[in-house]
Structure formats: structure tokens, C-alpha cells
Protein backbone atom coordinates (compact mmCIF):
# COMPACT_ATOMS: atom_id res chain seq x y z
CA MET A 1 -40.42 15.26 52.92
CA GLU A 2 -39.93 17.17 49.71
CA LYS A 3 -42.44 16.39 46.98
CA HIS A 4 -39.83 16.48 44.20
CA LEU A 5 -38.09 13.56 45.93
CA LEU A 6 -41.28 11.49 45.85
CA ILE A 7 -41.82 12.35 42.18
CA GLU A 8 -38.27 11.19 41.41
CA ILE A 9 -38.87 7.92 43.27
CA VAL A 10 -41.87 7.10 41.07
CA THR A 11 -40.22 8.18 37.79
CA GLN A 12 -36.55 7.15 38.07
CA THR A 13 -35.24 3.67 37.40
CA MET A 14 -32.53 1.56 38.98
CA PRO A 15 -29.39 2.14 36.88
CA PHE A 16 -27.60 -1.17 37.55
CA GLY A 17 -27.85 -4.71 38.88
CA LYS A 18 -30.55 -7.33 38.83
CA TYR A 19 -33.29 -4.72 38.91
CA LYS A 20 -31.80 -2.39 36.28
CA GLY A 21 -34.60 -0.45 34.57
CA LYS A 22 -37.15 -1.07 37.34
CA LEU A 23 -38.70 2.00 38.95
CA ILE A 24 -37.23 2.83 42.36
CA CYS A 25 -40.73 2.67 43.88
CA ASP A 26 -41.20 -0.87 42.52
CA LEU A 27 -38.00 -2.38 43.91
CA PRO A 28 -38.64 -5.38 46.17
CA GLU A 29 -38.42 -4.85 49.89
CA HIS A 30 -35.64 -7.43 50.36
CA TYR A 31 -33.44 -5.43 47.96
CA LEU A 32 -33.98 -2.24 49.97
CA VAL A 33 -33.22 -4.09 53.20
CA TRP A 34 -30.01 -5.40 51.64
CA PHE A 35 -28.93 -1.83 50.83
CA TYR A 36 -29.88 -0.76 54.35
CA ARG A 37 -27.56 -3.42 55.78
CA GLN A 38 -24.71 -2.92 53.29
CA GLY A 39 -24.95 0.84 53.03
CA PHE A 40 -26.78 2.98 50.51
CA PRO A 41 -24.78 4.26 47.53
CA PRO A 42 -23.75 7.92 47.53
CA GLY A 43 -25.66 10.65 45.77
CA LYS A 44 -29.23 10.84 44.57
CA LEU A 45 -29.58 7.11 44.05
CA GLY A 46 -28.73 6.45 47.68
CA MET A 47 -31.16 9.12 48.81
CA TRP A 48 -33.94 7.59 46.66
CA LEU A 49 -33.24 4.07 47.96
CA GLN A 50 -33.07 5.20 51.57
CA THR A 51 -36.30 7.16 51.23
CA MET A 52 -38.02 4.18 49.60
CA TYR A 53 -36.78 1.96 52.44
CA GLU A 54 -38.28 4.36 55.01
CA ILE A 55 -41.56 4.55 53.09
CA ARG A 56 -41.84 0.74 53.09
CA LEU A 57 -40.76 0.49 56.72
CA ASN A 58 -43.51 2.88 57.78
CA GLY A 59 -46.24 1.38 55.56
CA LEU A 60 -46.66 4.46 53.39
CA THR A 61 -46.45 2.88 49.93
CA HIS A 62 -50.08 3.79 49.23
CA LEU A 63 -48.98 7.42 48.94
CA LEU A 64 -46.74 6.56 46.00
CA GLY A 65 -49.65 5.06 44.07
CA GLU A 66 -51.44 8.39 44.23
CA ILE A 67 -48.33 10.24 43.06
CA LYS A 68 -47.81 7.75 40.19
CA ARG A 69 -51.31 8.46 38.90
CA CYS A 70 -50.66 12.21 38.93
CA VAL A 71 -47.35 12.16 37.04
């Protein structure tokens, strides 16, 4: 996984919807699952959401905390 992608996940915010303005890394799991079922949006946002979904699925969220402290 590319480190710039992880840095973007902890610094970029959701641009629309109920969670507008919330960091991608802080989105609730049920929201990520909903996108997984409906389809991720195109572009960088979709890539961030899909990556965050995979991170949660594999229990790797602790890694993001370390990255957040460094940025």
C-alpha cells in the first residue's frame, strides 16, 4: 500500500452527505459497508473509501492512529 494514500485517508474529509466534513478515517463502519454494497464512487474518493473499508475489514485501524500523530 502506498503511504501517500494512507496520509490522504487521515487528512481528507468526506465532501458530501451526512458525514460531510468528517475525516475519511473517522467514517463509521456501517457507512463504508453501505458503499461496498452500493459501489464506491469513481476517482480518489472511491479509492479512499475502498481502502478504508479494507483497513477496517482487516482490523488495521491502529495503523492510522500512528499516521495521524505524525502528520
